[in-house]
Amino acid sequence: MKPRKSRKLKAPATTTPLFATAGAVLALGERLTPTILLGTLGTVAGVALIGLR
């Protein structure tokens, strides 16, 4: 059995933290601090780098 590449899942996987942060801010009234923004962007970058492999 050949391993298959999951290219279709890259975009949803990398954008999930963005939607989670936006949902927390909009629905739950969380404050968007620089630390949360930096953490979200760092997570997105990390998932994107893993997806490049």
PDB file of N, CA and C in Angstrom:
ATOM      1  N   MET A   1       0.830  -1.167   0.000  1.00  0.00           N
ATOM      2  CA  MET A   1       0.000   0.000   0.000  1.00  0.00           C
ATOM      3  C   MET A   1       0.888   1.249   0.000  1.00  0.00           C
ATOM      4  N   LYS A   2       0.605   2.162  -0.909  1.00  0.00           N
ATOM      5  CA  LYS A   2       1.391   3.388  -1.014  1.00  0.00           C
ATOM      6  C   LYS A   2       0.860   4.443  -0.049  1.00  0.00           C
ATOM      7  N   PRO A   3       1.776   5.191   0.571  1.00  0.00           N
ATOM      8  CA  PRO A   3       1.297   6.307   1.402  1.00  0.00           C
ATOM      9  C   PRO A   3       0.746   7.415   0.514  1.00  0.00           C
ATOM     10  N   ARG A   4      -0.323   8.001   0.943  1.00  0.00           N
ATOM     11  CA  ARG A   4      -0.944   9.080   0.166  1.00  0.00           C
ATOM     12  C   ARG A   4      -0.681  10.410   0.836  1.00  0.00           C
ATOM     13  N   LYS A   5      -0.498  11.400   0.019  1.00  0.00           N
ATOM     14  CA  LYS A   5      -0.287  12.747   0.548  1.00  0.00           C
ATOM     15  C   LYS A   5      -1.647  13.400   0.798  1.00  0.00           C
ATOM     16  N   SER A   6      -1.745  14.099   1.874  1.00  0.00           N
ATOM     17  CA  SER A   6      -3.016  14.731   2.242  1.00  0.00           C
ATOM     18  C   SER A   6      -2.974  16.225   1.940  1.00  0.00           C
ATOM     19  N   ARG A   7      -2.859  16.554   0.710  1.00  0.00           N
ATOM     20  CA  ARG A   7      -2.766  17.963   0.316  1.00  0.00           C
ATOM     21  C   ARG A   7      -4.072  18.703   0.529  1.00  0.00           C
ATOM     22  N   LYS A   8      -5.191  17.988   0.437  1.00  0.00           N
ATOM     23  CA  LYS A   8      -6.483  18.645   0.607  1.00  0.00           C
ATOM     24  C   LYS A   8      -6.708  19.093   2.042  1.00  0.00           C
ATOM     25  N   LEU A   9      -6.013  18.504   2.985  1.00  0.00           N
ATOM     26  CA  LEU A   9      -6.218  18.835   4.383  1.00  0.00           C
ATOM     27  C   LEU A   9      -5.307  19.947   4.895  1.00  0.00           C
ATOM     28  N   LYS A  10      -4.417  20.425   4.076  1.00  0.00           N
ATOM     29  CA  LYS A  10      -3.467  21.446   4.539  1.00  0.00           C
ATOM     30  C   LYS A  10      -4.152  22.750   4.901  1.00  0.00           C
ATOM     31  N   ALA A  11      -5.014  23.241   4.025  1.00  0.00           N
ATOM     32  CA  ALA A  11      -5.654  24.529   4.287  1.00  0.00           C
ATOM     33  C   ALA A  11      -6.525  24.499   5.543  1.00  0.00           C
ATOM     34  N   PRO A  12      -7.401  23.508   5.705  1.00  0.00           N
ATOM     35  CA  PRO A  12      -8.191  23.486   6.944  1.00  0.00           C
ATOM     36  C   PRO A  12      -7.332  23.314   8.193  1.00  0.00           C
ATOM     37  N   ALA A  13      -6.295  22.541   8.102  1.00  0.00           N
ATOM     38  CA  ALA A  13      -5.445  22.315   9.278  1.00  0.00           C
ATOM     39  C   ALA A  13      -4.709  23.580   9.683  1.00  0.00           C
ATOM     40  N   THR A  14      -4.300  24.365   8.711  1.00  0.00           N
ATOM     41  CA  THR A  14      -3.550  25.570   9.049  1.00  0.00           C
ATOM     42  C   THR A  14      -4.450  26.721   9.481  1.00  0.00           C
ATOM     43  N   THR A  15      -5.728  26.691   9.098  1.00  0.00           N
ATOM     44  CA  THR A  15      -6.618  27.795   9.452  1.00  0.00           C
ATOM     45  C   THR A  15      -7.446  27.530  10.711  1.00  0.00           C
ATOM     46  N   THR A  16      -7.423  26.319  11.235  1.00  0.00           N
ATOM     47  CA  THR A  16      -8.210  26.006  12.430  1.00  0.00           C
ATOM     48  C   THR A  16      -7.881  26.932  13.604  1.00  0.00           C
ATOM     49  N   PRO A  17      -6.601  27.189  13.913  1.00  0.00           N
ATOM     50  CA  PRO A  17      -6.319  28.112  15.035  1.00  0.00           C
ATOM     51  C   PRO A  17      -6.864  29.527  14.803  1.00  0.00           C
ATOM     52  N   LEU A  18      -6.906  29.958  13.557  1.00  0.00           N
ATOM     53  CA  LEU A  18      -7.446  31.287  13.264  1.00  0.00           C
ATOM     54  C   LEU A  18      -8.935  31.349  13.584  1.00  0.00           C
ATOM     55  N   PHE A  19      -9.673  30.312  13.162  1.00  0.00           N
ATOM     56  CA  PHE A  19     -11.106  30.277  13.436  1.00  0.00           C
ATOM     57  C   PHE A  19     -11.393  30.093  14.918  1.00  0.00           C
ATOM     58  N   ALA A  20     -10.565  29.317  15.595  1.00  0.00           N
ATOM     59  CA  ALA A  20     -10.745  29.127  17.035  1.00  0.00           C
ATOM     60  C   ALA A  20     -10.531  30.447  17.781  1.00  0.00           C
ATOM     61  N   THR A  21      -9.520  31.187  17.391  1.00  0.00           N
ATOM     62  CA  THR A  21      -9.256  32.479  18.031  1.00  0.00           C
ATOM     63  C   THR A  21     -10.371  33.473  17.721  1.00  0.00           C
ATOM     64  N   ALA A  22     -10.778  33.523  16.458  1.00  0.00           N
ATOM     65  CA  ALA A  22     -11.861  34.439  16.073  1.00  0.00           C
ATOM     66  C   ALA A  22     -13.154  34.078  16.800  1.00  0.00           C
ATOM     67  N   GLY A  23     -13.444  32.790  16.919  1.00  0.00           N
ATOM     68  CA  GLY A  23     -14.644  32.355  17.631  1.00  0.00           C
ATOM     69  C   GLY A  23     -14.598  32.725  19.099  1.00  0.00           C
ATOM     70  N   ALA A  24     -13.432  32.579  19.713  1.00  0.00           N
ATOM     71  CA  ALA A  24     -13.294  32.928  21.129  1.00  0.00           C
ATOM     72  C   ALA A  24     -13.486  34.424  21.340  1.00  0.00           C
ATOM     73  N   VAL A  25     -12.966  35.208  20.427  1.00  0.00           N
ATOM     74  CA  VAL A  25     -13.093  36.672  20.551  1.00  0.00           C
ATOM     75  C   VAL A  25     -14.534  37.106  20.300  1.00  0.00           C
ATOM     76  N   LEU A  26     -15.142  36.594  19.231  1.00  0.00           N
ATOM     77  CA  LEU A  26     -16.483  37.040  18.851  1.00  0.00           C
ATOM     78  C   LEU A  26     -17.583  36.428  19.716  1.00  0.00           C
ATOM     79  N   ALA A  27     -17.529  35.135  19.939  1.00  0.00           N
ATOM     80  CA  ALA A  27     -18.622  34.455  20.637  1.00  0.00           C
ATOM     81  C   ALA A  27     -18.481  34.505  22.155  1.00  0.00           C
ATOM     82  N   LEU A  28     -17.253  34.417  22.636  1.00  0.00           N
ATOM     83  CA  LEU A  28     -17.050  34.336  24.079  1.00  0.00           C
ATOM     84  C   LEU A  28     -16.609  35.648  24.710  1.00  0.00           C
ATOM     85  N   GLY A  29     -16.311  36.630  23.874  1.00  0.00           N
ATOM     86  CA  GLY A  29     -15.906  37.931  24.399  1.00  0.00           C
ATOM     87  C   GLY A  29     -14.479  37.971  24.935  1.00  0.00           C
ATOM     88  N   GLU A  30     -13.659  37.041  24.489  1.00  0.00           N
ATOM     89  CA  GLU A  30     -12.249  37.036  24.926  1.00  0.00           C
ATOM     90  C   GLU A  30     -11.535  38.255  24.353  1.00  0.00           C
ATOM     91  N   ARG A  31     -10.537  38.734  25.086  1.00  0.00           N
ATOM     92  CA  ARG A  31      -9.744  39.858  24.593  1.00  0.00           C
ATOM     93  C   ARG A  31      -8.614  39.332  23.720  1.00  0.00           C
ATOM     94  N   LEU A  32      -8.396  39.997  22.602  1.00  0.00           N
ATOM     95  CA  LEU A  32      -7.310  39.615  21.693  1.00  0.00           C
ATOM     96  C   LEU A  32      -6.061  40.395  22.104  1.00  0.00           C
ATOM     97  N   THR A  33      -5.210  39.741  22.860  1.00  0.00           N
ATOM     98  CA  THR A  33      -3.977  40.372  23.336  1.00  0.00           C
ATOM     99  C   THR A  33      -2.840  40.048  22.372  1.00  0.00           C
ATOM    100  N   PRO A  34      -1.756  40.792  22.425  1.00  0.00           N
ATOM    101  CA  PRO A  34      -0.606  40.482  21.573  1.00  0.00           C
ATOM    102  C   PRO A  34      -0.072  39.065  21.806  1.00  0.00           C
ATOM    103  N   THR A  35      -0.139  38.583  23.036  1.00  0.00           N
ATOM    104  CA  THR A  35       0.338  37.231  23.330  1.00  0.00           C
ATOM    105  C   THR A  35      -0.517  36.183  22.633  1.00  0.00           C
ATOM    106  N   ILE A  36      -1.834  36.350  22.667  1.00  0.00           N
ATOM    107  CA  ILE A  36      -2.730  35.403  21.996  1.00  0.00           C
ATOM    108  C   ILE A  36      -2.534  35.473  20.495  1.00  0.00           C
ATOM    109  N   LEU A  37      -2.398  36.667  19.958  1.00  0.00           N
ATOM    110  CA  LEU A  37      -2.177  36.835  18.517  1.00  0.00           C
ATOM    111  C   LEU A  37      -0.866  36.184  18.090  1.00  0.00           C
ATOM    112  N   LEU A  38       0.172  36.402  18.852  1.00  0.00           N
ATOM    113  CA  LEU A  38       1.466  35.802  18.535  1.00  0.00           C
ATOM    114  C   LEU A  38       1.407  34.279  18.629  1.00  0.00           C
ATOM    115  N   GLY A  39       0.732  33.765  19.638  1.00  0.00           N
ATOM    116  CA  GLY A  39       0.579  32.323  19.781  1.00  0.00           C
ATOM    117  C   GLY A  39      -0.201  31.712  18.636  1.00  0.00           C
ATOM    118  N   THR A  40      -1.254  32.389  18.213  1.00  0.00           N
ATOM    119  CA  THR A  40      -2.059  31.899  17.090  1.00  0.00           C
ATOM    120  C   THR A  40      -1.247  31.877  15.804  1.00  0.00           C
ATOM    121  N   LEU A  41      -0.541  32.956  15.542  1.00  0.00           N
ATOM    122  CA  LEU A  41       0.277  33.015  14.321  1.00  0.00           C
ATOM    123  C   LEU A  41       1.422  32.008  14.364  1.00  0.00           C
ATOM    124  N   GLY A  42       2.004  31.802  15.538  1.00  0.00           N
ATOM    125  CA  GLY A  42       3.060  30.806  15.674  1.00  0.00           C
ATOM    126  C   GLY A  42       2.549  29.398  15.423  1.00  0.00           C
ATOM    127  N   THR A  43       1.346  29.112  15.905  1.00  0.00           N
ATOM    128  CA  THR A  43       0.741  27.799  15.675  1.00  0.00           C
ATOM    129  C   THR A  43       0.449  27.587  14.200  1.00  0.00           C
ATOM    130  N   VAL A  44      -0.094  28.596  13.554  1.00  0.00           N
ATOM    131  CA  VAL A  44      -0.379  28.495  12.112  1.00  0.00           C
ATOM    132  C   VAL A  44       0.914  28.277  11.332  1.00  0.00           C
ATOM    133  N   ALA A  45       1.954  29.011  11.679  1.00  0.00           N
ATOM    134  CA  ALA A  45       3.241  28.844  10.985  1.00  0.00           C
ATOM    135  C   ALA A  45       3.812  27.461  11.219  1.00  0.00           C
ATOM    136  N   GLY A  46       3.711  26.952  12.436  1.00  0.00           N
ATOM    137  CA  GLY A  46       4.220  25.615  12.735  1.00  0.00           C
ATOM    138  C   GLY A  46       3.493  24.527  11.983  1.00  0.00           C
ATOM    139  N   VAL A  47       2.176  24.615  11.926  1.00  0.00           N
ATOM    140  CA  VAL A  47       1.393  23.622  11.190  1.00  0.00           C
ATOM    141  C   VAL A  47       1.692  23.721   9.697  1.00  0.00           C
ATOM    142  N   ALA A  48       1.867  24.934   9.194  1.00  0.00           N
ATOM    143  CA  ALA A  48       2.193  25.103   7.781  1.00  0.00           C
ATOM    144  C   ALA A  48       3.568  24.513   7.456  1.00  0.00           C
ATOM    145  N   LEU A  49       4.531  24.703   8.335  1.00  0.00           N
ATOM    146  CA  LEU A  49       5.861  24.122   8.112  1.00  0.00           C
ATOM    147  C   LEU A  49       5.826  22.602   8.113  1.00  0.00           C
ATOM    148  N   ILE A  50       5.052  22.036   9.017  1.00  0.00           N
ATOM    149  CA  ILE A  50       4.917  20.577   9.041  1.00  0.00           C
ATOM    150  C   ILE A  50       4.260  20.088   7.758  1.00  0.00           C
ATOM    151  N   GLY A  51       3.292  20.856   7.256  1.00  0.00           N
ATOM    152  CA  GLY A  51       2.606  20.477   6.019  1.00  0.00           C
ATOM    153  C   GLY A  51       3.500  20.534   4.791  1.00  0.00           C
ATOM    154  N   LEU A  52       4.587  21.269   4.864  1.00  0.00           N
ATOM    155  CA  LEU A  52       5.495  21.363   3.705  1.00  0.00           C
ATOM    156  C   LEU A  52       6.349  20.122   3.516  1.00  0.00           C
ATOM    157  N   ARG A  53       6.476  19.321   4.549  1.00  0.00           N
ATOM    158  CA  ARG A  53       7.323  18.129   4.482  1.00  0.00           C
ATOM    159  C   ARG A  53       6.832  17.140   3.496  1.00  0.00           C
TER     160      ARG A  53
END
